[in-house]
Amino acid sequence: MRAVVQRVRRARVLVGGQTTGEVGAGLAVLLGVGAQDSDSDARWVAEKIAHLRIFRDDDGLMNRSLVDVGGAALLISQFTLYGDARKGRRPSFIAAAKEPLASALYRATGELLEAIGVRVAYGEFGADMDVDLVNEGPVTIILDSKA
């Protein structure tokens, strides 16, 4: 699985002009599921997202995790994270998972985060979404369960 994790002041997803998911301070997570991914990848990604120390402590250092600060995560499915643009001009998405694996692992990741104690809001899987966020820092981290 691949995730682009952004520390945010606030973030929301809109589908057809309607908000489907929204968080205050926390993380916006663009999540891609690969064709070779499994439950163990979802567990790894959820643990990383919840415990990644990218929030400031009292000294201004990045020593606190999402769990430590009581922040929320906005989970947004994004198969294009598996786009391979090394050849030609049109990316290939052959490495991205298809249904039903993709939605199952996307949902499992959110449920695992919730089990850890993180409040999770969701985009709409497979929809054309507008993502509105204020990136704090900016802090953006790329995670890859296979790397």
N, C-alpha and C. Protein backbone atom coordinates (compact mmCIF):
# COMPACT_ATOMS: atom_id res chain seq x y z
N MET A 1 0.85 -1.17 0.00
CA MET A 1 0.00 0.00 0.00
C MET A 1 0.89 1.22 0.00
N ARG A 2 0.36 2.27 -0.59
CA ARG A 2 1.07 3.55 -0.62
C ARG A 2 0.17 4.61 -0.01
N ALA A 3 0.80 5.47 0.77
CA ALA A 3 0.04 6.55 1.39
C ALA A 3 0.85 7.83 1.33
N VAL A 4 0.17 8.91 0.99
CA VAL A 4 0.73 10.25 1.11
C VAL A 4 0.03 10.87 2.31
N VAL A 5 0.81 11.13 3.34
CA VAL A 5 0.29 11.59 4.63
C VAL A 5 0.63 13.06 4.79
N GLN A 6 -0.39 13.89 4.97
CA GLN A 6 -0.17 15.33 5.13
C GLN A 6 -0.72 15.78 6.48
N ARG A 7 0.11 16.49 7.23
CA ARG A 7 -0.36 17.08 8.48
C ARG A 7 -1.21 18.30 8.11
N VAL A 8 -2.42 18.35 8.66
CA VAL A 8 -3.35 19.40 8.26
C VAL A 8 -3.95 20.13 9.46
N ARG A 9 -4.33 21.35 9.22
CA ARG A 9 -5.12 22.11 10.20
C ARG A 9 -6.59 21.70 10.07
N ARG A 10 -6.98 21.42 8.82
CA ARG A 10 -8.33 20.94 8.53
C ARG A 10 -8.32 20.35 7.13
N ALA A 11 -9.24 19.44 6.88
CA ALA A 11 -9.36 18.83 5.56
C ALA A 11 -10.77 18.30 5.37
N ARG A 12 -11.22 18.30 4.12
CA ARG A 12 -12.54 17.72 3.82
C ARG A 12 -12.56 17.22 2.40
N VAL A 13 -13.48 16.30 2.16
CA VAL A 13 -13.72 15.75 0.83
C VAL A 13 -15.14 16.09 0.45
N LEU A 14 -15.30 16.54 -0.79
CA LEU A 14 -16.62 16.84 -1.32
C LEU A 14 -16.86 15.98 -2.56
N VAL A 15 -18.06 15.45 -2.65
CA VAL A 15 -18.49 14.69 -3.83
C VAL A 15 -19.79 15.33 -4.29
N GLY A 16 -19.77 15.83 -5.51
CA GLY A 16 -20.96 16.51 -6.03
C GLY A 16 -21.36 17.71 -5.20
N GLY A 17 -20.38 18.40 -4.63
CA GLY A 17 -20.65 19.58 -3.82
C GLY A 17 -21.05 19.29 -2.38
N GLN A 18 -21.18 18.01 -2.01
CA GLN A 18 -21.58 17.62 -0.66
C GLN A 18 -20.37 17.05 0.09
N THR A 19 -20.19 17.49 1.34
CA THR A 19 -19.09 16.99 2.16
C THR A 19 -19.37 15.54 2.57
N THR A 20 -18.41 14.65 2.28
CA THR A 20 -18.55 13.25 2.67
C THR A 20 -17.69 12.91 3.87
N GLY A 21 -16.62 13.67 4.09
CA GLY A 21 -15.74 13.45 5.23
C GLY A 21 -15.00 14.72 5.55
N GLU A 22 -14.78 14.95 6.85
CA GLU A 22 -14.14 16.19 7.27
C GLU A 22 -13.45 15.99 8.61
N VAL A 23 -12.24 16.58 8.76
CA VAL A 23 -11.52 16.54 10.02
C VAL A 23 -10.97 17.93 10.32
N GLY A 24 -10.72 18.15 11.60
CA GLY A 24 -9.98 19.34 12.02
C GLY A 24 -8.51 19.01 11.99
N ALA A 25 -7.78 19.39 13.04
CA ALA A 25 -6.34 19.12 13.09
C ALA A 25 -6.09 17.60 13.05
N GLY A 26 -5.14 17.22 12.25
CA GLY A 26 -4.80 15.80 12.13
C GLY A 26 -4.07 15.52 10.84
N LEU A 27 -4.53 14.47 10.14
CA LEU A 27 -3.87 14.04 8.92
C LEU A 27 -4.87 13.85 7.78
N ALA A 28 -4.46 14.25 6.59
CA ALA A 28 -5.14 13.87 5.37
C ALA A 28 -4.28 12.77 4.75
N VAL A 29 -4.90 11.65 4.44
CA VAL A 29 -4.16 10.49 3.94
C VAL A 29 -4.72 10.07 2.60
N LEU A 30 -3.90 10.22 1.55
CA LEU A 30 -4.24 9.68 0.23
C LEU A 30 -3.73 8.26 0.22
N LEU A 31 -4.62 7.29 0.01
CA LEU A 31 -4.26 5.88 0.18
C LEU A 31 -4.49 5.10 -1.11
N GLY A 32 -3.42 4.49 -1.60
CA GLY A 32 -3.50 3.63 -2.77
C GLY A 32 -3.27 2.19 -2.39
N VAL A 33 -4.05 1.29 -2.98
CA VAL A 33 -3.92 -0.13 -2.71
C VAL A 33 -3.35 -0.81 -3.95
N GLY A 34 -2.30 -1.59 -3.73
CA GLY A 34 -1.67 -2.31 -4.83
C GLY A 34 -2.25 -3.69 -5.03
N ALA A 35 -2.09 -4.21 -6.23
CA ALA A 35 -2.65 -5.52 -6.58
C ALA A 35 -2.08 -6.64 -5.72
N GLN A 36 -0.89 -6.47 -5.18
CA GLN A 36 -0.25 -7.50 -4.36
C GLN A 36 -0.44 -7.28 -2.86
N ASP A 37 -1.24 -6.30 -2.48
CA ASP A 37 -1.41 -5.97 -1.06
C ASP A 37 -2.36 -6.94 -0.36
N SER A 38 -2.21 -7.00 0.97
CA SER A 38 -3.02 -7.89 1.80
C SER A 38 -3.34 -7.20 3.12
N ASP A 39 -3.99 -7.93 4.01
CA ASP A 39 -4.32 -7.40 5.33
C ASP A 39 -3.09 -6.94 6.09
N SER A 40 -1.97 -7.61 5.91
CA SER A 40 -0.75 -7.22 6.62
C SER A 40 -0.28 -5.84 6.18
N ASP A 41 -0.47 -5.50 4.91
CA ASP A 41 -0.11 -4.16 4.43
C ASP A 41 -1.02 -3.11 5.06
N ALA A 42 -2.31 -3.42 5.18
CA ALA A 42 -3.25 -2.49 5.81
C ALA A 42 -2.86 -2.26 7.28
N ARG A 43 -2.47 -3.32 7.97
CA ARG A 43 -2.05 -3.18 9.37
C ARG A 43 -0.80 -2.31 9.48
N TRP A 44 0.17 -2.56 8.61
CA TRP A 44 1.41 -1.79 8.63
C TRP A 44 1.13 -0.31 8.40
N VAL A 45 0.33 -0.01 7.39
CA VAL A 45 0.02 1.38 7.06
C VAL A 45 -0.75 2.05 8.19
N ALA A 46 -1.74 1.38 8.74
CA ALA A 46 -2.53 1.95 9.83
C ALA A 46 -1.64 2.26 11.04
N GLU A 47 -0.77 1.33 11.39
CA GLU A 47 0.14 1.56 12.52
C GLU A 47 1.05 2.75 12.26
N LYS A 48 1.60 2.83 11.06
CA LYS A 48 2.48 3.95 10.71
C LYS A 48 1.73 5.27 10.79
N ILE A 49 0.54 5.32 10.20
CA ILE A 49 -0.25 6.56 10.21
C ILE A 49 -0.53 6.99 11.64
N ALA A 50 -0.96 6.09 12.47
CA ALA A 50 -1.34 6.41 13.84
C ALA A 50 -0.16 6.84 14.70
N HIS A 51 1.01 6.27 14.45
CA HIS A 51 2.14 6.47 15.36
C HIS A 51 3.31 7.25 14.76
N LEU A 52 3.17 7.74 13.55
CA LEU A 52 4.21 8.54 12.92
C LEU A 52 4.38 9.84 13.70
N ARG A 53 5.58 10.10 14.16
CA ARG A 53 5.82 11.28 15.01
C ARG A 53 6.11 12.51 14.16
N ILE A 54 5.04 13.18 13.74
CA ILE A 54 5.18 14.35 12.87
C ILE A 54 4.43 15.57 13.41
N PHE A 55 4.00 15.49 14.69
CA PHE A 55 3.35 16.63 15.32
C PHE A 55 4.30 17.24 16.34
N ARG A 56 4.22 18.54 16.49
CA ARG A 56 5.15 19.26 17.37
C ARG A 56 4.87 18.98 18.84
N ASP A 57 5.98 18.89 19.61
CA ASP A 57 5.87 18.81 21.06
C ASP A 57 5.99 20.23 21.62
N ASP A 58 6.12 20.36 22.93
CA ASP A 58 6.20 21.67 23.57
C ASP A 58 7.44 22.45 23.18
N ASP A 59 8.46 21.76 22.70
CA ASP A 59 9.69 22.42 22.26
C ASP A 59 9.71 22.69 20.76
N GLY A 60 8.60 22.39 20.07
CA GLY A 60 8.52 22.64 18.64
C GLY A 60 9.12 21.54 17.78
N LEU A 61 9.51 20.43 18.39
CA LEU A 61 10.10 19.31 17.65
C LEU A 61 9.01 18.31 17.26
N MET A 62 9.20 17.63 16.16
CA MET A 62 8.23 16.63 15.71
C MET A 62 8.44 15.34 16.51
N ASN A 63 7.79 15.27 17.66
CA ASN A 63 7.93 14.13 18.56
C ASN A 63 6.61 13.51 18.95
N ARG A 64 5.50 14.01 18.45
CA ARG A 64 4.19 13.49 18.82
C ARG A 64 3.52 12.85 17.61
N SER A 65 2.72 11.83 17.91
CA SER A 65 1.99 11.12 16.86
C SER A 65 0.54 11.60 16.82
N LEU A 66 -0.19 11.12 15.84
CA LEU A 66 -1.61 11.40 15.73
C LEU A 66 -2.34 10.96 16.99
N VAL A 67 -1.98 9.79 17.51
CA VAL A 67 -2.57 9.28 18.74
C VAL A 67 -2.25 10.21 19.91
N ASP A 68 -0.99 10.64 20.00
CA ASP A 68 -0.55 11.50 21.11
C ASP A 68 -1.32 12.81 21.16
N VAL A 69 -1.61 13.39 19.99
CA VAL A 69 -2.28 14.70 19.96
C VAL A 69 -3.79 14.59 19.88
N GLY A 70 -4.32 13.37 19.77
CA GLY A 70 -5.76 13.18 19.68
C GLY A 70 -6.35 13.70 18.39
N GLY A 71 -5.55 13.67 17.33
CA GLY A 71 -6.01 14.15 16.02
C GLY A 71 -6.83 13.11 15.27
N ALA A 72 -7.40 13.54 14.18
CA ALA A 72 -8.22 12.66 13.34
C ALA A 72 -7.54 12.45 11.99
N ALA A 73 -8.00 11.44 11.26
CA ALA A 73 -7.46 11.16 9.93
C ALA A 73 -8.59 11.18 8.91
N LEU A 74 -8.35 11.86 7.81
CA LEU A 74 -9.26 11.83 6.67
C LEU A 74 -8.64 10.89 5.65
N LEU A 75 -9.29 9.75 5.42
CA LEU A 75 -8.78 8.70 4.54
C LEU A 75 -9.42 8.84 3.17
N ILE A 76 -8.57 9.01 2.15
CA ILE A 76 -9.04 9.28 0.79
C ILE A 76 -8.43 8.24 -0.15
N SER A 77 -9.26 7.46 -0.81
CA SER A 77 -8.75 6.45 -1.73
C SER A 77 -8.17 7.13 -2.97
N GLN A 78 -7.01 6.63 -3.43
CA GLN A 78 -6.39 7.22 -4.61
C GLN A 78 -5.55 6.18 -5.34
N PHE A 79 -6.19 5.51 -6.30
CA PHE A 79 -5.49 4.46 -7.06
C PHE A 79 -4.35 5.02 -7.88
N THR A 80 -4.36 6.32 -8.19
CA THR A 80 -3.32 6.90 -9.03
C THR A 80 -1.95 6.92 -8.35
N LEU A 81 -1.89 6.60 -7.05
CA LEU A 81 -0.59 6.48 -6.40
C LEU A 81 0.20 5.31 -6.97
N TYR A 82 -0.49 4.42 -7.67
CA TYR A 82 0.18 3.30 -8.34
C TYR A 82 0.40 3.56 -9.82
N GLY A 83 0.27 4.81 -10.24
CA GLY A 83 0.54 5.15 -11.63
C GLY A 83 2.02 5.04 -11.94
N ASP A 84 2.34 4.37 -13.02
CA ASP A 84 3.72 4.20 -13.47
C ASP A 84 3.88 5.02 -14.75
N ALA A 85 4.64 6.10 -14.64
CA ALA A 85 4.81 7.01 -15.79
C ALA A 85 6.24 6.95 -16.35
N ARG A 86 6.93 5.84 -16.12
CA ARG A 86 8.31 5.73 -16.61
C ARG A 86 8.40 5.64 -18.12
N LYS A 87 7.38 5.05 -18.75
CA LYS A 87 7.39 4.90 -20.21
C LYS A 87 6.22 5.67 -20.79
N GLY A 88 6.47 6.32 -21.89
CA GLY A 88 5.40 7.03 -22.58
C GLY A 88 4.90 8.23 -21.80
N ARG A 89 3.71 8.67 -22.18
CA ARG A 89 3.13 9.87 -21.56
C ARG A 89 1.86 9.59 -20.79
N ARG A 90 1.33 8.39 -20.95
CA ARG A 90 0.13 8.02 -20.21
C ARG A 90 0.52 7.02 -19.13
N PRO A 91 0.25 7.34 -17.86
CA PRO A 91 0.61 6.41 -16.79
C PRO A 91 -0.14 5.09 -16.91
N SER A 92 0.52 4.04 -16.51
CA SER A 92 -0.10 2.72 -16.44
C SER A 92 -0.52 2.49 -14.99
N PHE A 93 -1.72 1.95 -14.81
CA PHE A 93 -2.23 1.69 -13.47
C PHE A 93 -2.39 0.19 -13.22
N ILE A 94 -1.64 -0.61 -13.94
CA ILE A 94 -1.77 -2.06 -13.84
C ILE A 94 -1.41 -2.58 -12.45
N ALA A 95 -0.56 -1.85 -11.71
CA ALA A 95 -0.15 -2.30 -10.38
C ALA A 95 -1.18 -1.95 -9.29
N ALA A 96 -2.18 -1.15 -9.64
CA ALA A 96 -3.22 -0.79 -8.66
C ALA A 96 -4.20 -1.95 -8.49
N ALA A 97 -4.66 -2.14 -7.27
CA ALA A 97 -5.63 -3.20 -6.99
C ALA A 97 -6.97 -2.87 -7.62
N LYS A 98 -7.68 -3.90 -8.01
CA LYS A 98 -9.03 -3.75 -8.55
C LYS A 98 -10.02 -4.19 -7.47
N GLU A 99 -11.29 -4.04 -7.78
CA GLU A 99 -12.34 -4.47 -6.86
C GLU A 99 -12.39 -6.00 -6.82
N PRO A 100 -12.76 -6.57 -5.72
CA PRO A 100 -13.17 -5.97 -4.45
C PRO A 100 -12.01 -5.72 -3.48
N LEU A 101 -10.79 -6.15 -3.87
CA LEU A 101 -9.64 -6.02 -2.97
C LEU A 101 -9.38 -4.57 -2.58
N ALA A 102 -9.41 -3.66 -3.54
CA ALA A 102 -9.06 -2.27 -3.27
C ALA A 102 -9.96 -1.65 -2.20
N SER A 103 -11.27 -1.76 -2.35
CA SER A 103 -12.17 -1.15 -1.38
C SER A 103 -12.10 -1.87 -0.03
N ALA A 104 -11.91 -3.17 -0.04
CA ALA A 104 -11.83 -3.93 1.21
C ALA A 104 -10.61 -3.50 2.03
N LEU A 105 -9.46 -3.34 1.39
CA LEU A 105 -8.26 -2.95 2.13
C LEU A 105 -8.29 -1.48 2.52
N TYR A 106 -8.91 -0.65 1.69
CA TYR A 106 -9.11 0.77 2.05
C TYR A 106 -9.95 0.85 3.32
N ARG A 107 -11.06 0.14 3.35
CA ARG A 107 -11.96 0.15 4.51
C ARG A 107 -11.27 -0.49 5.72
N ALA A 108 -10.52 -1.57 5.50
CA ALA A 108 -9.81 -2.24 6.60
C ALA A 108 -8.79 -1.30 7.25
N THR A 109 -8.12 -0.50 6.45
CA THR A 109 -7.15 0.45 6.99
C THR A 109 -7.84 1.44 7.92
N GLY A 110 -8.99 1.95 7.49
CA GLY A 110 -9.74 2.87 8.34
C GLY A 110 -10.20 2.20 9.63
N GLU A 111 -10.68 0.96 9.53
CA GLU A 111 -11.14 0.24 10.72
C GLU A 111 -9.99 -0.04 11.68
N LEU A 112 -8.81 -0.33 11.15
CA LEU A 112 -7.65 -0.56 11.99
C LEU A 112 -7.24 0.74 12.70
N LEU A 113 -7.30 1.85 12.00
CA LEU A 113 -7.02 3.14 12.64
C LEU A 113 -8.01 3.41 13.77
N GLU A 114 -9.28 3.14 13.50
CA GLU A 114 -10.31 3.34 14.52
C GLU A 114 -10.06 2.45 15.74
N ALA A 115 -9.61 1.22 15.50
CA ALA A 115 -9.32 0.29 16.60
C ALA A 115 -8.15 0.80 17.45
N ILE A 116 -7.25 1.53 16.85
CA ILE A 116 -6.12 2.11 17.58
C ILE A 116 -6.59 3.31 18.41
N GLY A 117 -7.73 3.87 18.04
CA GLY A 117 -8.27 5.02 18.78
C GLY A 117 -8.29 6.31 18.00
N VAL A 118 -8.03 6.23 16.70
CA VAL A 118 -8.04 7.42 15.85
C VAL A 118 -9.45 7.61 15.27
N ARG A 119 -9.96 8.84 15.34
CA ARG A 119 -11.23 9.14 14.67
C ARG A 119 -10.93 9.24 13.18
N VAL A 120 -11.71 8.53 12.36
CA VAL A 120 -11.47 8.48 10.93
C VAL A 120 -12.69 9.02 10.19
N ALA A 121 -12.44 9.91 9.24
CA ALA A 121 -13.45 10.36 8.29
C ALA A 121 -13.01 9.83 6.93
N TYR A 122 -13.97 9.65 6.03
CA TYR A 122 -13.66 9.00 4.76
C TYR A 122 -14.07 9.85 3.57
N GLY A 123 -13.31 9.67 2.50
CA GLY A 123 -13.77 10.12 1.20
C GLY A 123 -14.76 9.07 0.71
N GLU A 124 -15.14 9.16 -0.55
CA GLU A 124 -16.06 8.17 -1.12
C GLU A 124 -15.28 7.32 -2.12
N PHE A 125 -15.10 6.05 -1.79
CA PHE A 125 -14.29 5.17 -2.61
C PHE A 125 -14.80 5.17 -4.05
N GLY A 126 -13.88 5.37 -5.00
CA GLY A 126 -14.20 5.31 -6.42
C GLY A 126 -14.88 6.54 -6.99
N ALA A 127 -15.15 7.53 -6.16
CA ALA A 127 -15.85 8.73 -6.63
C ALA A 127 -14.85 9.77 -7.14
N ASP A 128 -15.36 10.70 -7.92
CA ASP A 128 -14.60 11.87 -8.33
C ASP A 128 -14.73 12.87 -7.19
N MET A 129 -13.65 13.08 -6.44
CA MET A 129 -13.70 13.87 -5.21
C MET A 129 -12.94 15.17 -5.35
N ASP A 130 -13.43 16.19 -4.65
CA ASP A 130 -12.69 17.43 -4.45
C ASP A 130 -12.13 17.36 -3.04
N VAL A 131 -10.82 17.59 -2.91
CA VAL A 131 -10.18 17.56 -1.60
C VAL A 131 -9.76 18.98 -1.26
N ASP A 132 -10.23 19.45 -0.13
CA ASP A 132 -9.95 20.80 0.34
C ASP A 132 -9.20 20.67 1.66
N LEU A 133 -7.98 21.20 1.73
CA LEU A 133 -7.21 21.06 2.97
C LEU A 133 -6.27 22.23 3.17
N VAL A 134 -5.88 22.41 4.42
CA VAL A 134 -4.84 23.35 4.79
C VAL A 134 -3.71 22.52 5.38
N ASN A 135 -2.62 22.39 4.60
CA ASN A 135 -1.47 21.61 5.00
C ASN A 135 -0.68 22.41 6.01
N GLU A 136 -0.41 21.82 7.17
CA GLU A 136 0.30 22.52 8.22
C GLU A 136 1.78 22.17 8.16
N GLY A 137 2.60 23.17 8.04
CA GLY A 137 4.05 22.99 8.03
C GLY A 137 4.70 23.61 6.80
N PRO A 138 4.56 23.09 5.63
CA PRO A 138 3.88 21.85 5.30
C PRO A 138 4.69 20.62 5.70
N VAL A 139 3.96 19.59 6.10
CA VAL A 139 4.56 18.30 6.41
C VAL A 139 3.86 17.26 5.56
N THR A 140 4.61 16.61 4.70
CA THR A 140 4.08 15.56 3.82
C THR A 140 5.06 14.39 3.83
N ILE A 141 4.54 13.20 4.15
CA ILE A 141 5.36 11.99 4.24
C ILE A 141 4.78 10.95 3.29
N ILE A 142 5.64 10.22 2.60
CA ILE A 142 5.21 9.15 1.71
C ILE A 142 5.54 7.81 2.38
N LEU A 143 4.52 6.95 2.46
CA LEU A 143 4.68 5.61 3.04
C LEU A 143 4.45 4.57 1.95
N ASP A 144 5.21 3.50 1.99
CA ASP A 144 5.04 2.39 1.06
C ASP A 144 5.29 1.10 1.82
N SER A 145 4.28 0.28 1.96
CA SER A 145 4.41 -0.94 2.76
C SER A 145 5.35 -1.96 2.13
N LYS A 146 5.67 -1.81 0.86
CA LYS A 146 6.57 -2.76 0.19
C LYS A 146 8.01 -2.25 0.11
N ALA A 147 8.23 -0.99 0.41
CA ALA A 147 9.58 -0.41 0.27
C ALA A 147 10.41 -0.65 1.51
